[in-house]
Amino acid sequence: MKTEIVLSDDLLMTISRTVGKTGNYSEFVNNILRRYFTRTARSNQENRDLEILNQNSEYLNHEAEDVLAYQVML
């Protein structure tokens, strides 16, 4: 699908230097956006996981202490 976006001059110059004269601007922008959305999704999942761990930290710490109490010194 074709679309039109407006980029600042400095950003366009940076992209031009990165892509080079024979580079494909569309491919470059597609790759950057895919990486961004993948990273954002991963970060959101990590934040949700951390929230779950924090909500259950007291219980999890108690369970860990209980398990450690059963260890035998070698």
N, C-alpha and C. Protein backbone atom coordinates (compact mmCIF):
# COMPACT_ATOMS: atom_id res chain seq x y z
N MET A 1 0.84 -1.17 0.00
CA MET A 1 0.00 0.00 0.00
C MET A 1 0.89 1.23 0.00
N LYS A 2 0.53 2.16 -0.79
CA LYS A 2 1.30 3.41 -0.83
C LYS A 2 0.70 4.39 0.15
N THR A 3 1.59 5.16 0.76
CA THR A 3 1.17 6.21 1.66
C THR A 3 2.17 7.35 1.56
N GLU A 4 1.81 8.47 2.09
CA GLU A 4 2.71 9.61 2.06
C GLU A 4 2.92 10.08 3.49
N ILE A 5 4.18 10.29 3.84
CA ILE A 5 4.50 10.84 5.16
C ILE A 5 5.44 12.02 4.97
N VAL A 6 5.45 12.90 5.94
CA VAL A 6 6.33 14.06 5.90
C VAL A 6 7.41 13.86 6.96
N LEU A 7 8.66 13.95 6.54
CA LEU A 7 9.80 13.80 7.45
C LEU A 7 10.56 15.12 7.52
N SER A 8 11.15 15.36 8.66
CA SER A 8 11.98 16.56 8.79
C SER A 8 13.21 16.41 7.91
N ASP A 9 13.78 17.53 7.52
CA ASP A 9 14.95 17.52 6.64
C ASP A 9 16.12 16.75 7.26
N ASP A 10 16.36 16.98 8.56
CA ASP A 10 17.50 16.30 9.19
C ASP A 10 17.28 14.79 9.25
N LEU A 11 16.05 14.35 9.49
CA LEU A 11 15.77 12.92 9.53
C LEU A 11 15.91 12.30 8.14
N LEU A 12 15.42 12.98 7.14
CA LEU A 12 15.55 12.49 5.77
C LEU A 12 17.01 12.39 5.34
N MET A 13 17.82 13.36 5.74
CA MET A 13 19.25 13.31 5.40
C MET A 13 19.92 12.13 6.11
N THR A 14 19.56 11.87 7.35
CA THR A 14 20.12 10.74 8.08
C THR A 14 19.74 9.42 7.41
N ILE A 15 18.49 9.31 7.01
CA ILE A 15 18.04 8.10 6.31
C ILE A 15 18.79 7.97 4.99
N SER A 16 18.94 9.05 4.26
CA SER A 16 19.65 9.02 2.98
C SER A 16 21.08 8.52 3.15
N ARG A 17 21.76 9.02 4.18
CA ARG A 17 23.14 8.57 4.43
C ARG A 17 23.18 7.10 4.80
N THR A 18 22.19 6.65 5.53
CA THR A 18 22.15 5.25 5.96
C THR A 18 21.82 4.32 4.81
N VAL A 19 20.85 4.69 4.00
CA VAL A 19 20.39 3.85 2.90
C VAL A 19 21.37 3.89 1.73
N GLY A 20 21.94 5.04 1.48
CA GLY A 20 22.87 5.17 0.36
C GLY A 20 22.12 5.44 -0.93
N LYS A 21 22.86 5.65 -1.99
CA LYS A 21 22.26 6.01 -3.28
C LYS A 21 21.47 4.87 -3.90
N THR A 22 21.88 3.64 -3.67
CA THR A 22 21.20 2.50 -4.30
C THR A 22 20.22 1.83 -3.35
N GLY A 23 20.03 2.39 -2.17
CA GLY A 23 19.16 1.77 -1.17
C GLY A 23 17.68 1.96 -1.46
N ASN A 24 16.89 1.19 -0.73
CA ASN A 24 15.45 1.22 -0.89
C ASN A 24 14.84 1.87 0.35
N TYR A 25 14.32 3.08 0.20
CA TYR A 25 13.76 3.83 1.33
C TYR A 25 12.57 3.09 1.96
N SER A 26 11.69 2.55 1.12
CA SER A 26 10.51 1.86 1.63
C SER A 26 10.89 0.65 2.47
N GLU A 27 11.84 -0.12 1.98
CA GLU A 27 12.31 -1.29 2.73
C GLU A 27 12.93 -0.86 4.06
N PHE A 28 13.71 0.19 4.03
CA PHE A 28 14.35 0.70 5.25
C PHE A 28 13.30 1.11 6.28
N VAL A 29 12.31 1.90 5.86
CA VAL A 29 11.27 2.37 6.78
C VAL A 29 10.45 1.19 7.29
N ASN A 30 10.10 0.25 6.42
CA ASN A 30 9.36 -0.95 6.85
C ASN A 30 10.13 -1.71 7.92
N ASN A 31 11.43 -1.91 7.71
CA ASN A 31 12.24 -2.64 8.69
C ASN A 31 12.31 -1.92 10.03
N ILE A 32 12.50 -0.61 9.98
CA ILE A 32 12.57 0.18 11.21
C ILE A 32 11.25 0.09 11.97
N LEU A 33 10.14 0.24 11.27
CA LEU A 33 8.83 0.18 11.93
C LEU A 33 8.54 -1.21 12.49
N ARG A 34 8.91 -2.27 11.78
CA ARG A 34 8.73 -3.63 12.30
C ARG A 34 9.52 -3.82 13.59
N ARG A 35 10.77 -3.37 13.58
CA ARG A 35 11.60 -3.49 14.80
C ARG A 35 10.98 -2.71 15.96
N TYR A 36 10.51 -1.51 15.67
CA TYR A 36 9.90 -0.68 16.71
C TYR A 36 8.70 -1.38 17.33
N PHE A 37 7.79 -1.88 16.50
CA PHE A 37 6.58 -2.50 17.02
C PHE A 37 6.88 -3.82 17.72
N THR A 38 7.86 -4.57 17.24
CA THR A 38 8.27 -5.80 17.93
C THR A 38 8.84 -5.47 19.29
N ARG A 39 9.72 -4.48 19.35
CA ARG A 39 10.32 -4.06 20.62
C ARG A 39 9.27 -3.53 21.59
N THR A 40 8.32 -2.75 21.08
CA THR A 40 7.26 -2.19 21.92
C THR A 40 6.38 -3.30 22.48
N ALA A 41 6.02 -4.27 21.65
CA ALA A 41 5.20 -5.39 22.12
C ALA A 41 5.94 -6.18 23.19
N ARG A 42 7.23 -6.43 22.97
CA ARG A 42 8.04 -7.17 23.95
C ARG A 42 8.13 -6.39 25.26
N SER A 43 8.34 -5.10 25.18
CA SER A 43 8.44 -4.27 26.37
C SER A 43 7.12 -4.25 27.14
N ASN A 44 6.01 -4.15 26.41
CA ASN A 44 4.70 -4.17 27.07
C ASN A 44 4.47 -5.50 27.80
N GLN A 45 4.87 -6.61 27.16
CA GLN A 45 4.71 -7.92 27.81
C GLN A 45 5.59 -8.01 29.05
N GLU A 46 6.83 -7.54 28.96
CA GLU A 46 7.72 -7.56 30.12
C GLU A 46 7.16 -6.71 31.25
N ASN A 47 6.57 -5.57 30.93
CA ASN A 47 5.95 -4.72 31.95
C ASN A 47 4.77 -5.42 32.62
N ARG A 48 3.94 -6.12 31.83
CA ARG A 48 2.83 -6.87 32.41
C ARG A 48 3.34 -7.99 33.31
N ASP A 49 4.38 -8.70 32.86
CA ASP A 49 4.96 -9.78 33.67
C ASP A 49 5.52 -9.24 34.98
N LEU A 50 6.21 -8.12 34.91
CA LEU A 50 6.77 -7.51 36.12
C LEU A 50 5.67 -7.09 37.08
N GLU A 51 4.59 -6.56 36.55
CA GLU A 51 3.47 -6.17 37.40
C GLU A 51 2.88 -7.38 38.13
N ILE A 52 2.75 -8.49 37.41
CA ILE A 52 2.24 -9.73 38.03
C ILE A 52 3.19 -10.20 39.12
N LEU A 53 4.48 -10.19 38.83
CA LEU A 53 5.47 -10.60 39.84
C LEU A 53 5.41 -9.69 41.07
N ASN A 54 5.32 -8.40 40.85
CA ASN A 54 5.26 -7.46 41.97
C ASN A 54 4.00 -7.66 42.80
N GLN A 55 2.88 -7.94 42.14
CA GLN A 55 1.64 -8.16 42.86
C GLN A 55 1.69 -9.42 43.72
N ASN A 56 2.52 -10.38 43.30
CA ASN A 56 2.60 -11.66 44.01
C ASN A 56 3.92 -11.84 44.75
N SER A 57 4.68 -10.78 44.90
CA SER A 57 6.04 -10.90 45.45
C SER A 57 6.04 -11.44 46.88
N GLU A 58 5.12 -11.00 47.71
CA GLU A 58 5.11 -11.46 49.09
C GLU A 58 4.89 -12.97 49.14
N TYR A 59 3.92 -13.46 48.38
CA TYR A 59 3.65 -14.89 48.34
C TYR A 59 4.84 -15.65 47.77
N LEU A 60 5.41 -15.17 46.67
CA LEU A 60 6.55 -15.85 46.04
C LEU A 60 7.77 -15.88 46.96
N ASN A 61 8.02 -14.79 47.67
CA ASN A 61 9.14 -14.76 48.62
C ASN A 61 8.93 -15.76 49.75
N HIS A 62 7.70 -15.85 50.23
CA HIS A 62 7.39 -16.82 51.29
C HIS A 62 7.62 -18.24 50.79
N GLU A 63 7.18 -18.54 49.59
CA GLU A 63 7.39 -19.86 49.01
C GLU A 63 8.88 -20.17 48.85
N ALA A 64 9.65 -19.19 48.42
CA ALA A 64 11.10 -19.39 48.24
C ALA A 64 11.76 -19.67 49.59
N GLU A 65 11.39 -18.93 50.61
CA GLU A 65 11.94 -19.16 51.95
C GLU A 65 11.58 -20.55 52.46
N ASP A 66 10.38 -21.00 52.20
CA ASP A 66 9.94 -22.34 52.61
C ASP A 66 10.77 -23.41 51.91
N VAL A 67 11.00 -23.27 50.63
CA VAL A 67 11.81 -24.26 49.88
C VAL A 67 13.23 -24.26 50.40
N LEU A 68 13.80 -23.10 50.66
CA LEU A 68 15.18 -23.02 51.15
C LEU A 68 15.32 -23.67 52.51
N ALA A 69 14.27 -23.69 53.30
CA ALA A 69 14.33 -24.30 54.63
C ALA A 69 14.52 -25.80 54.53
N TYR A 70 14.18 -26.42 53.42
CA TYR A 70 14.33 -27.86 53.25
C TYR A 70 15.69 -28.27 52.71
N GLN A 71 16.54 -27.33 52.38
CA GLN A 71 17.86 -27.67 51.84
C GLN A 71 18.73 -28.27 52.94
N VAL A 72 19.53 -29.23 52.50
CA VAL A 72 20.45 -29.89 53.42
C VAL A 72 21.86 -29.40 53.12
N MET A 73 22.61 -29.06 54.16
CA MET A 73 24.00 -28.64 53.98
C MET A 73 24.84 -29.86 53.59
N LEU A 74 25.66 -29.74 52.58
CA LEU A 74 26.53 -30.83 52.14
C LEU A 74 27.93 -30.65 52.63
